[in-house]
PDB file of N, CA and C in Angstrom:
ATOM      1  N   MET A   1       4.201  18.225 -78.820  1.00  0.00           N
ATOM      2  CA  MET A   1       4.201  17.232 -78.007  1.00  0.00           C
ATOM      3  C   MET A   1       5.589  17.376 -77.327  1.00  0.00           C
ATOM      4  N   THR A   2       4.767  16.311 -76.709  1.00  0.00           N
ATOM      5  CA  THR A   2       6.500  16.631 -75.380  1.00  0.00           C
ATOM      6  C   THR A   2       6.859  14.781 -75.515  1.00  0.00           C
ATOM      7  N   SER A   3       7.916  15.216 -75.101  1.00  0.00           N
ATOM      8  CA  SER A   3       9.018  13.839 -75.434  1.00  0.00           C
ATOM      9  C   SER A   3       8.854  12.632 -74.156  1.00  0.00           C
ATOM     10  N   PHE A   4       8.807  11.397 -74.679  1.00  0.00           N
ATOM     11  CA  PHE A   4       8.244  10.763 -73.114  1.00  0.00           C
ATOM     12  C   PHE A   4       9.606  11.017 -72.561  1.00  0.00           C
ATOM     13  N   SER A   5      11.270  11.539 -72.699  1.00  0.00           N
ATOM     14  CA  SER A   5      12.573  11.917 -72.281  1.00  0.00           C
ATOM     15  C   SER A   5      12.131  13.201 -71.021  1.00  0.00           C
ATOM     16  N   GLU A   6      10.998  13.683 -71.947  1.00  0.00           N
ATOM     17  CA  GLU A   6      10.501  15.315 -71.025  1.00  0.00           C
ATOM     18  C   GLU A   6       9.603  15.132 -70.189  1.00  0.00           C
ATOM     19  N   ILE A   7       8.371  13.902 -70.483  1.00  0.00           N
ATOM     20  CA  ILE A   7       7.205  13.751 -69.068  1.00  0.00           C
ATOM     21  C   ILE A   7       8.444  13.296 -68.289  1.00  0.00           C
ATOM     22  N   ILE A   8       9.770  12.021 -68.439  1.00  0.00           N
ATOM     23  CA  ILE A   8      10.295  11.609 -67.490  1.00  0.00           C
ATOM     24  C   ILE A   8      10.302  11.861 -66.657  1.00  0.00           C
ATOM     25  N   THR A   9      11.358  13.193 -67.336  1.00  0.00           N
ATOM     26  CA  THR A   9      12.372  14.991 -66.627  1.00  0.00           C
ATOM     27  C   THR A   9      10.932  14.786 -65.469  1.00  0.00           C
ATOM     28  N   GLN A  10      10.045  15.805 -65.958  1.00  0.00           N
ATOM     29  CA  GLN A  10       8.852  16.316 -65.015  1.00  0.00           C
ATOM     30  C   GLN A  10       8.366  15.289 -64.026  1.00  0.00           C
ATOM     31  N   VAL A  11       8.379  14.698 -64.233  1.00  0.00           N
ATOM     32  CA  VAL A  11       7.623  13.158 -63.127  1.00  0.00           C
ATOM     33  C   VAL A  11       8.688  13.514 -62.528  1.00  0.00           C
ATOM     34  N   TRP A  12       9.996  13.335 -62.848  1.00  0.00           N
ATOM     35  CA  TRP A  12      10.986  13.056 -62.000  1.00  0.00           C
ATOM     36  C   TRP A  12      11.891  14.497 -60.887  1.00  0.00           C
ATOM     37  N   GLU A  13      11.637  15.509 -61.475  1.00  0.00           N
ATOM     38  CA  GLU A  13      11.246  16.828 -60.935  1.00  0.00           C
ATOM     39  C   GLU A  13      10.232  17.150 -59.975  1.00  0.00           C
ATOM     40  N   VAL A  14       9.082  16.490 -60.583  1.00  0.00           N
ATOM     41  CA  VAL A  14       7.892  16.631 -59.578  1.00  0.00           C
ATOM     42  C   VAL A  14       7.657  15.579 -57.844  1.00  0.00           C
ATOM     43  N   SER A  15       8.521  14.152 -58.317  1.00  0.00           N
ATOM     44  CA  SER A  15       8.489  12.874 -57.787  1.00  0.00           C
ATOM     45  C   SER A  15       9.961  13.892 -56.956  1.00  0.00           C
ATOM     46  N   LYS A  16      11.066  14.156 -57.428  1.00  0.00           N
ATOM     47  CA  LYS A  16      11.941  15.141 -56.723  1.00  0.00           C
ATOM     48  C   LYS A  16      11.364  16.001 -54.883  1.00  0.00           C
ATOM     49  N   MET A  17      10.729  17.216 -56.137  1.00  0.00           N
ATOM     50  CA  MET A  17       9.622  17.802 -54.618  1.00  0.00           C
ATOM     51  C   MET A  17       8.757  17.895 -53.815  1.00  0.00           C
ATOM     52  N   GLN A  18       8.304  16.628 -54.226  1.00  0.00           N
ATOM     53  CA  GLN A  18       7.537  15.665 -53.662  1.00  0.00           C
ATOM     54  C   GLN A  18       7.803  14.903 -52.558  1.00  0.00           C
ATOM     55  N   LYS A  19       9.540  14.478 -52.563  1.00  0.00           N
ATOM     56  CA  LYS A  19      10.166  13.913 -51.246  1.00  0.00           C
ATOM     57  C   LYS A  19      10.819  15.088 -50.569  1.00  0.00           C
ATOM     58  N   GLU A  20      11.161  15.871 -51.613  1.00  0.00           N
ATOM     59  CA  GLU A  20      11.876  17.298 -50.331  1.00  0.00           C
ATOM     60  C   GLU A  20      10.691  18.050 -50.038  1.00  0.00           C
ATOM     61  N   GLU A  21      10.095  17.988 -49.545  1.00  0.00           N
ATOM     62  CA  GLU A  21       8.596  18.634 -49.276  1.00  0.00           C
ATOM     63  C   GLU A  21       8.652  17.500 -48.183  1.00  0.00           C
ATOM     64  N   LEU A  22       8.068  16.259 -48.383  1.00  0.00           N
ATOM     65  CA  LEU A  22       8.084  15.371 -47.877  1.00  0.00           C
ATOM     66  C   LEU A  22       8.809  15.367 -46.034  1.00  0.00           C
ATOM     67  N   ASP A  23      10.400  15.232 -46.637  1.00  0.00           N
ATOM     68  CA  ASP A  23      11.841  15.188 -46.132  1.00  0.00           C
ATOM     69  C   ASP A  23      11.760  16.696 -45.117  1.00  0.00           C
ATOM     70  N   SER A  24      11.137  17.263 -45.644  1.00  0.00           N
ATOM     71  CA  SER A  24      11.429  19.111 -44.907  1.00  0.00           C
ATOM     72  C   SER A  24      10.019  18.514 -43.531  1.00  0.00           C
ATOM     73  N   GLU A  25       8.879  18.188 -44.036  1.00  0.00           N
ATOM     74  CA  GLU A  25       8.015  18.402 -43.293  1.00  0.00           C
ATOM     75  C   GLU A  25       8.624  16.841 -42.359  1.00  0.00           C
ATOM     76  N   GLU A  26       9.413  15.819 -42.526  1.00  0.00           N
ATOM     77  CA  GLU A  26      10.120  15.053 -41.493  1.00  0.00           C
ATOM     78  C   GLU A  26      10.826  15.762 -41.035  1.00  0.00           C
ATOM     79  N   GLU A  27      11.445  16.315 -41.225  1.00  0.00           N
ATOM     80  CA  GLU A  27      13.001  17.254 -40.484  1.00  0.00           C
ATOM     81  C   GLU A  27      12.088  18.430 -39.272  1.00  0.00           C
ATOM     82  N   LEU A  28      10.902  18.960 -39.599  1.00  0.00           N
ATOM     83  CA  LEU A  28      10.502  19.438 -39.211  1.00  0.00           C
ATOM     84  C   LEU A  28       9.391  18.863 -37.871  1.00  0.00           C
ATOM     85  N   GLU A  29       9.456  17.606 -38.138  1.00  0.00           N
ATOM     86  CA  GLU A  29       8.764  16.660 -37.106  1.00  0.00           C
ATOM     87  C   GLU A  29       9.685  16.803 -36.098  1.00  0.00           C
ATOM     88  N   ARG A  30      11.030  15.688 -36.800  1.00  0.00           N
ATOM     89  CA  ARG A  30      12.074  15.919 -35.704  1.00  0.00           C
ATOM     90  C   ARG A  30      12.632  16.627 -35.357  1.00  0.00           C
ATOM     91  N   GLN A  31      12.019  18.002 -35.951  1.00  0.00           N
ATOM     92  CA  GLN A  31      12.632  19.015 -34.756  1.00  0.00           C
ATOM     93  C   GLN A  31      11.891  18.945 -33.624  1.00  0.00           C
ATOM     94  N   ARG A  32       9.739  18.770 -33.817  1.00  0.00           N
ATOM     95  CA  ARG A  32       9.289  18.901 -32.783  1.00  0.00           C
ATOM     96  C   ARG A  32       8.804  18.562 -31.688  1.00  0.00           C
ATOM     97  N   GLU A  33      10.139  16.900 -32.347  1.00  0.00           N
ATOM     98  CA  GLU A  33      10.113  15.873 -31.399  1.00  0.00           C
ATOM     99  C   GLU A  33      11.525  16.328 -30.658  1.00  0.00           C
ATOM    100  N   LEU A  34      12.637  16.608 -31.113  1.00  0.00           N
ATOM    101  CA  LEU A  34      13.027  17.219 -30.286  1.00  0.00           C
ATOM    102  C   LEU A  34      13.409  18.384 -29.357  1.00  0.00           C
ATOM    103  N   LYS A  35      12.624  18.870 -30.264  1.00  0.00           N
ATOM    104  CA  LYS A  35      12.468  20.410 -28.953  1.00  0.00           C
ATOM    105  C   LYS A  35      11.798  19.787 -27.583  1.00  0.00           C
ATOM    106  N   VAL A  36      10.193  18.706 -27.603  1.00  0.00           N
ATOM    107  CA  VAL A  36       9.378  18.150 -26.858  1.00  0.00           C
ATOM    108  C   VAL A  36       9.920  17.301 -25.927  1.00  0.00           C
ATOM    109  N   GLN A  37      10.832  16.198 -26.953  1.00  0.00           N
ATOM    110  CA  GLN A  37      12.030  15.647 -25.469  1.00  0.00           C
ATOM    111  C   GLN A  37      12.871  16.613 -24.747  1.00  0.00           C
ATOM    112  N   ARG A  38      13.411  18.008 -25.379  1.00  0.00           N
ATOM    113  CA  ARG A  38      14.552  18.269 -25.065  1.00  0.00           C
ATOM    114  C   ARG A  38      13.446  19.637 -23.445  1.00  0.00           C
ATOM    115  N   GLU A  39      12.616  19.631 -23.885  1.00  0.00           N
ATOM    116  CA  GLU A  39      11.585  20.109 -22.519  1.00  0.00           C
ATOM    117  C   GLU A  39      11.055  19.067 -21.631  1.00  0.00           C
ATOM    118  N   GLU A  40      10.933  18.273 -22.385  1.00  0.00           N
ATOM    119  CA  GLU A  40      10.442  17.123 -21.086  1.00  0.00           C
ATOM    120  C   GLU A  40      11.637  16.856 -20.359  1.00  0.00           C
ATOM    121  N   ARG A  41      13.168  16.308 -20.649  1.00  0.00           N
ATOM    122  CA  ARG A  41      14.306  16.526 -20.024  1.00  0.00           C
ATOM    123  C   ARG A  41      14.869  17.881 -19.574  1.00  0.00           C
ATOM    124  N   ARG A  42      14.837  19.177 -19.370  1.00  0.00           N
ATOM    125  CA  ARG A  42      14.524  19.718 -19.056  1.00  0.00           C
ATOM    126  C   ARG A  42      13.689  20.065 -17.370  1.00  0.00           C
ATOM    127  N   LYS A  43      12.378  19.793 -17.459  1.00  0.00           N
ATOM    128  CA  LYS A  43      11.007  19.747 -16.281  1.00  0.00           C
ATOM    129  C   LYS A  43      11.938  18.937 -15.832  1.00  0.00           C
ATOM    130  N   GLU A  44      12.183  17.762 -16.276  1.00  0.00           N
ATOM    131  CA  GLU A  44      12.719  16.839 -15.036  1.00  0.00           C
ATOM    132  C   GLU A  44      13.760  16.816 -14.631  1.00  0.00           C
ATOM    133  N   LEU A  45      15.029  17.592 -15.139  1.00  0.00           N
ATOM    134  CA  LEU A  45      15.854  18.132 -14.756  1.00  0.00           C
ATOM    135  C   LEU A  45      15.726  19.485 -13.152  1.00  0.00           C
ATOM    136  N   GLU A  46      15.163  19.245 -13.685  1.00  0.00           N
ATOM    137  CA  GLU A  46      14.978  21.109 -13.094  1.00  0.00           C
ATOM    138  C   GLU A  46      13.878  20.109 -11.151  1.00  0.00           C
ATOM    139  N   SER A  47      13.014  19.312 -11.852  1.00  0.00           N
ATOM    140  CA  SER A  47      12.827  18.962 -10.604  1.00  0.00           C
ATOM    141  C   SER A  47      13.457  18.137 -10.195  1.00  0.00           C
ATOM    142  N   LEU A  48      14.850  17.712 -11.013  1.00  0.00           N
ATOM    143  CA  LEU A  48      15.401  16.763 -10.107  1.00  0.00           C
ATOM    144  C   LEU A  48      16.381  17.437  -9.072  1.00  0.00           C
ATOM    145  N   ARG A  49      16.785  18.530  -9.653  1.00  0.00           N
ATOM    146  CA  ARG A  49      17.618  19.619  -8.687  1.00  0.00           C
ATOM    147  C   ARG A  49      16.049  19.835  -7.861  1.00  0.00           C
ATOM    148  N   GLU A  50      15.216  20.735  -8.286  1.00  0.00           N
ATOM    149  CA  GLU A  50      14.661  21.221  -6.646  1.00  0.00           C
ATOM    150  C   GLU A  50      14.208  20.297  -6.007  1.00  0.00           C
ATOM    151  N   LEU A  51      14.143  19.048  -6.058  1.00  0.00           N
ATOM    152  CA  LEU A  51      14.491  17.663  -5.474  1.00  0.00           C
ATOM    153  C   LEU A  51      15.894  17.201  -4.169  1.00  0.00           C
ATOM    154  N   GLU A  52      16.784  17.787  -4.998  1.00  0.00           N
ATOM    155  CA  GLU A  52      18.666  17.508  -4.579  1.00  0.00           C
ATOM    156  C   GLU A  52      18.453  18.639  -2.968  1.00  0.00           C
ATOM    157  N   MET A  53      17.083  20.428  -3.715  1.00  0.00           N
ATOM    158  CA  MET A  53      17.373  21.145  -2.993  1.00  0.00           C
ATOM    159  C   MET A  53      17.120  20.930  -2.042  1.00  0.00           C
ATOM    160  N   MET A  54      15.567  20.416  -1.474  1.00  0.00           N
ATOM    161  CA  MET A  54      14.987  19.569  -0.702  1.00  0.00           C
ATOM    162  C   MET A  54      16.072  19.100   0.603  1.00  0.00           C
ATOM    163  N   ARG A  55      15.976  18.328  -0.006  1.00  0.00           N
ATOM    164  CA  ARG A  55      17.004  17.411   0.668  1.00  0.00           C
ATOM    165  C   ARG A  55      18.474  17.860   0.639  1.00  0.00           C
ATOM    166  N   GLU A  56      19.111  18.630   0.380  1.00  0.00           N
ATOM    167  CA  GLU A  56      19.748  19.714   1.239  1.00  0.00           C
ATOM    168  C   GLU A  56      19.562  20.376   1.918  1.00  0.00           C
ATOM    169  N   TYR A  57      18.197  21.267   1.554  1.00  0.00           N
ATOM    170  CA  TYR A  57      17.939  21.931   3.124  1.00  0.00           C
ATOM    171  C   TYR A  57      17.328  20.812   4.527  1.00  0.00           C
ATOM    172  N   LYS A  58      16.623  19.702   4.094  1.00  0.00           N
ATOM    173  CA  LYS A  58      16.261  19.763   5.002  1.00  0.00           C
ATOM    174  C   LYS A  58      17.657  18.413   6.203  1.00  0.00           C
ATOM    175  N   THR A  59      19.156  18.174   5.246  1.00  0.00           N
ATOM    176  CA  THR A  59      19.499  18.216   5.024  1.00  0.00           C
ATOM    177  C   THR A  59      20.457  18.612   6.948  1.00  0.00           C
ATOM    178  N   LEU A  60      21.041  20.053   6.169  1.00  0.00           N
ATOM    179  CA  LEU A  60      21.264  21.293   6.859  1.00  0.00           C
ATOM    180  C   LEU A  60      19.891  21.804   7.584  1.00  0.00           C
ATOM    181  N   GLU A  61      18.921  21.619   7.809  1.00  0.00           N
ATOM    182  CA  GLU A  61      18.556  21.716   9.094  1.00  0.00           C
ATOM    183  C   GLU A  61      18.430  20.506  10.309  1.00  0.00           C
ATOM    184  N   LYS A  62      18.796  19.251   9.505  1.00  0.00           N
ATOM    185  CA  LYS A  62      18.896  18.257  10.886  1.00  0.00           C
ATOM    186  C   LYS A  62      20.453  18.700  11.618  1.00  0.00           C
ATOM    187  N   LEU A  63      21.135  19.174  10.119  1.00  0.00           N
ATOM    188  CA  LEU A  63      22.776  19.811  10.779  1.00  0.00           C
ATOM    189  C   LEU A  63      22.827  20.957  12.172  1.00  0.00           C
ATOM    190  N   GLU A  64      21.809  21.546  11.273  1.00  0.00           N
ATOM    191  CA  GLU A  64      21.385  23.182  12.535  1.00  0.00           C
ATOM    192  C   GLU A  64      21.035  22.384  13.816  1.00  0.00           C
ATOM    193  N   LYS A  65      20.146  21.197  13.847  1.00  0.00           N
ATOM    194  CA  LYS A  65      19.352  21.274  15.138  1.00  0.00           C
ATOM    195  C   LYS A  65      20.083  20.448  15.579  1.00  0.00           C
ATOM    196  N   GLN A  66      21.027  19.349  14.836  1.00  0.00           N
ATOM    197  CA  GLN A  66      21.903  18.810  16.307  1.00  0.00           C
ATOM    198  C   GLN A  66      22.593  19.356  16.025  1.00  0.00           C
ATOM    199  N   LYS A  67      23.697  20.751  15.631  1.00  0.00           N
ATOM    200  CA  LYS A  67      24.583  21.639  16.332  1.00  0.00           C
ATOM    201  C   LYS A  67      23.564  22.276  17.910  1.00  0.00           C
ATOM    202  N   LYS A  68      22.947  23.061  17.448  1.00  0.00           N
ATOM    203  CA  LYS A  68      21.643  23.339  18.372  1.00  0.00           C
ATOM    204  C   LYS A  68      21.714  22.837  19.576  1.00  0.00           C
ATOM    205  N   LEU A  69      21.772  21.634  19.481  1.00  0.00           N
ATOM    206  CA  LEU A  69      21.136  21.080  20.794  1.00  0.00           C
ATOM    207  C   LEU A  69      22.930  20.257  21.390  1.00  0.00           C
ATOM    208  N   GLU A  70      23.748  19.723  20.626  1.00  0.00           N
ATOM    209  CA  GLU A  70      25.612  19.766  21.478  1.00  0.00           C
ATOM    210  C   GLU A  70      25.230  21.170  21.577  1.00  0.00           C
ATOM    211  N   ARG A  71      25.493  22.072  20.933  1.00  0.00           N
ATOM    212  CA  ARG A  71      25.809  23.735  21.901  1.00  0.00           C
ATOM    213  C   ARG A  71      24.468  23.376  23.395  1.00  0.00           C
ATOM    214  N   ARG A  72      23.517  22.950  22.974  1.00  0.00           N
ATOM    215  CA  ARG A  72      22.877  23.263  24.410  1.00  0.00           C
ATOM    216  C   ARG A  72      23.667  22.256  25.511  1.00  0.00           C
ATOM    217  N   ARG A  73      23.556  20.753  25.171  1.00  0.00           N
ATOM    218  CA  ARG A  73      24.341  19.653  25.675  1.00  0.00           C
ATOM    219  C   ARG A  73      25.816  20.567  26.346  1.00  0.00           C
ATOM    220  N   GLU A  74      26.483  20.855  25.875  1.00  0.00           N
ATOM    221  CA  GLU A  74      27.771  21.352  26.243  1.00  0.00           C
ATOM    222  C   GLU A  74      27.589  23.129  27.097  1.00  0.00           C
ATOM    223  N   LEU A  75      26.785  23.565  26.914  1.00  0.00           N
ATOM    224  CA  LEU A  75      26.459  24.560  27.853  1.00  0.00           C
ATOM    225  C   LEU A  75      25.788  23.467  29.109  1.00  0.00           C
ATOM    226  N   ALA A  76      25.310  23.346  28.816  1.00  0.00           N
ATOM    227  CA  ALA A  76      24.694  22.480  30.542  1.00  0.00           C
ATOM    228  C   ALA A  76      25.619  21.871  30.736  1.00  0.00           C
ATOM    229  N   ARG A  77      26.973  21.236  30.385  1.00  0.00           N
ATOM    230  CA  ARG A  77      27.819  20.981  31.531  1.00  0.00           C
ATOM    231  C   ARG A  77      29.128  21.654  31.443  1.00  0.00           C
ATOM    232  N   GLN A  78      29.415  22.495  30.858  1.00  0.00           N
ATOM    233  CA  GLN A  78      29.864  24.332  31.948  1.00  0.00           C
ATOM    234  C   GLN A  78      29.161  24.496  32.882  1.00  0.00           C
ATOM    235  N   LYS A  79      27.903  24.606  32.327  1.00  0.00           N
ATOM    236  CA  LYS A  79      26.862  25.081  34.117  1.00  0.00           C
ATOM    237  C   LYS A  79      27.401  24.454  35.215  1.00  0.00           C
ATOM    238  N   GLU A  80      27.001  22.589  35.036  1.00  0.00           N
ATOM    239  CA  GLU A  80      27.155  21.782  35.760  1.00  0.00           C
ATOM    240  C   GLU A  80      28.596  22.148  35.577  1.00  0.00           C
ATOM    241  N   GLU A  81      29.316  22.008  35.251  1.00  0.00           N
ATOM    242  CA  GLU A  81      30.963  21.890  36.027  1.00  0.00           C
ATOM    243  C   GLU A  81      31.104  23.650  36.837  1.00  0.00           C
ATOM    244  N   ARG A  82      30.700  24.268  36.442  1.00  0.00           N
ATOM    245  CA  ARG A  82      30.393  26.055  36.865  1.00  0.00           C
ATOM    246  C   ARG A  82      29.941  25.618  38.388  1.00  0.00           C
ATOM    247  N   GLU A  83      29.163  25.180  38.396  1.00  0.00           N
ATOM    248  CA  GLU A  83      28.204  24.807  39.550  1.00  0.00           C
ATOM    249  C   GLU A  83      29.161  24.103  40.513  1.00  0.00           C
ATOM    250  N   GLY A  84      29.639  23.197  39.934  1.00  0.00           N
ATOM    251  CA  GLY A  84      30.614  22.110  40.957  1.00  0.00           C
ATOM    252  C   GLY A  84      31.791  22.628  41.493  1.00  0.00           C
ATOM    253  N   GLN A  85      32.052  23.718  40.730  1.00  0.00           N
ATOM    254  CA  GLN A  85      33.683  24.682  40.960  1.00  0.00           C
ATOM    255  C   GLN A  85      32.849  24.953  42.460  1.00  0.00           C
ATOM    256  N   ILE A  86      31.248  26.249  41.925  1.00  0.00           N
ATOM    257  CA  ILE A  86      31.364  26.578  43.367  1.00  0.00           C
ATOM    258  C   ILE A  86      30.570  25.963  44.007  1.00  0.00           C
ATOM    259  N   LEU A  87      30.573  24.690  44.729  1.00  0.00           N
ATOM    260  CA  LEU A  87      29.673  23.613  46.063  1.00  0.00           C
ATOM    261  C   LEU A  87      31.242  23.471  46.447  1.00  0.00           C
ATOM    262  N   LYS A  88      32.661  23.115  44.873  1.00  0.00           N
ATOM    263  CA  LYS A  88      33.253  23.013  46.243  1.00  0.00           C
ATOM    264  C   LYS A  88      33.949  23.923  46.996  1.00  0.00           C
ATOM    265  N   GLU A  89      34.344  25.128  46.383  1.00  0.00           N
ATOM    266  CA  GLU A  89      34.761  26.429  47.088  1.00  0.00           C
ATOM    267  C   GLU A  89      33.937  26.839  48.681  1.00  0.00           C
ATOM    268  N   VAL A  90      32.670  26.879  48.094  1.00  0.00           N
ATOM    269  CA  VAL A  90      31.550  27.231  49.349  1.00  0.00           C
ATOM    270  C   VAL A  90      32.492  26.039  50.505  1.00  0.00           C
ATOM    271  N   THR A  91      32.309  24.413  49.726  1.00  0.00           N
ATOM    272  CA  THR A  91      32.844  23.339  50.636  1.00  0.00           C
ATOM    273  C   THR A  91      34.272  23.760  51.575  1.00  0.00           C
ATOM    274  N   LYS A  92      34.798  24.774  50.923  1.00  0.00           N
ATOM    275  CA  LYS A  92      36.011  24.453  51.460  1.00  0.00           C
ATOM    276  C   LYS A  92      36.074  26.082  52.267  1.00  0.00           C
ATOM    277  N   GLN A  93      35.485  26.698  51.568  1.00  0.00           N
ATOM    278  CA  GLN A  93      35.616  27.934  53.345  1.00  0.00           C
ATOM    279  C   GLN A  93      34.272  27.357  53.923  1.00  0.00           C
ATOM    280  N   TYR A  94      33.617  26.898  54.043  1.00  0.00           N
ATOM    281  CA  TYR A  94      33.179  26.029  55.864  1.00  0.00           C
ATOM    282  C   TYR A  94      33.599  25.308  56.178  1.00  0.00           C
ATOM    283  N   GLU A  95      35.054  24.535  55.374  1.00  0.00           N
ATOM    284  CA  GLU A  95      35.983  23.592  56.188  1.00  0.00           C
ATOM    285  C   GLU A  95      37.104  24.499  56.765  1.00  0.00           C
ATOM    286  N   ARG A  96      37.544  25.841  56.121  1.00  0.00           N
ATOM    287  CA  ARG A  96      38.311  26.530  56.832  1.00  0.00           C
ATOM    288  C   ARG A  96      37.845  27.305  57.475  1.00  0.00           C
ATOM    289  N   ILE A  97      36.586  27.972  57.928  1.00  0.00           N
ATOM    290  CA  ILE A  97      35.955  28.381  59.437  1.00  0.00           C
ATOM    291  C   ILE A  97      35.656  26.735  60.143  1.00  0.00           C
ATOM    292  N   ASP A  98      34.912  25.950  59.364  1.00  0.00           N
ATOM    293  CA  ASP A  98      34.804  24.996  61.564  1.00  0.00           C
ATOM    294  C   ASP A  98      36.627  24.679  61.517  1.00  0.00           C
ATOM    295  N   ARG A  99      38.014  24.555  60.637  1.00  0.00           N
ATOM    296  CA  ARG A  99      39.011  24.643  61.561  1.00  0.00           C
ATOM    297  C   ARG A  99      39.366  25.369  62.092  1.00  0.00           C
ATOM    298  N   ASN A 100      38.794  26.979  61.785  1.00  0.00           N
ATOM    299  CA  ASN A 100      39.202  28.017  63.010  1.00  0.00           C
ATOM    300  C   ASN A 100      38.930  28.466  63.764  1.00  0.00           C
ATOM    301  N   GLY A 101      37.763  27.056  64.230  1.00  0.00           N
ATOM    302  CA  GLY A 101      36.493  27.057  65.272  1.00  0.00           C
ATOM    303  C   GLY A 101      35.808  28.381  65.364  1.00  0.00           C
ATOM    304  N   LYS A 102      35.235  29.184  64.081  1.00  0.00           N
ATOM    305  CA  LYS A 102      34.346  30.736  63.989  1.00  0.00           C
ATOM    306  C   LYS A 102      33.956  29.746  63.648  1.00  0.00           C
ATOM    307  N   GLY A 103      33.469  29.041  63.473  1.00  0.00           N
ATOM    308  CA  GLY A 103      31.883  28.265  62.687  1.00  0.00           C
ATOM    309  C   GLY A 103      31.304  27.094  62.969  1.00  0.00           C
ATOM    310  N   SER A 104      31.639  26.856  64.823  1.00  0.00           N
ATOM    311  CA  SER A 104      31.384  25.041  65.415  1.00  0.00           C
ATOM    312  C   SER A 104      30.149  25.223  65.818  1.00  0.00           C
ATOM    313  N   GLY A 105      29.264  25.740  64.777  1.00  0.00           N
ATOM    314  CA  GLY A 105      27.565  25.475  64.315  1.00  0.00           C
ATOM    315  C   GLY A 105      27.187  26.158  65.873  1.00  0.00           C
ATOM    316  N   LYS A 106      27.473  27.583  65.770  1.00  0.00           N
ATOM    317  CA  LYS A 106      26.995  28.743  66.679  1.00  0.00           C
ATOM    318  C   LYS A 106      26.997  29.019  65.340  1.00  0.00           C
ATOM    319  N   ARG A 107      25.321  29.954  66.521  1.00  0.00           N
ATOM    320  CA  ARG A 107      23.923  30.733  65.240  1.00  0.00           C
ATOM    321  C   ARG A 107      24.105  32.367  66.143  1.00  0.00           C
ATOM    322  N   TYR A 108      24.513  33.352  65.472  1.00  0.00           N
ATOM    323  CA  TYR A 108      24.232  34.287  65.925  1.00  0.00           C
ATOM    324  C   TYR A 108      23.482  35.664  65.385  1.00  0.00           C
TER     325      TYR A 108
END
C-alpha cells in the first residue's frame, strides 16, 4: 500500500506536469499571437512604405512637370529676346539705309 506522502508526491508531480504542459501550451499560443502580430505589423509597414513611395513618386512627377514648364517658359523668353534683338538689328539696318539715302522708299 502506498503511503499518504507518496500519493501527495504523485499528485503534486502530476499537477506539476499538467501545469508545465499548460504553461507550454500558453507559451506556444503566446508565440503564435506574437507571430501573427509581427506579420500584421510587417504588412502594415509595407503598406505604409508603398504609400510613401507613391507620394514620393507623385511629388517627383509634379517636380518634373514643373521643371519642364519652367524650362519651356525660359526657352520662350529666350526666343522672344532673340526675336527682339533680331527686330532691333533689322530696324537699325533699315534706319542706316534710310539715312544714307539708299532706301528712300524707291523700289527696284
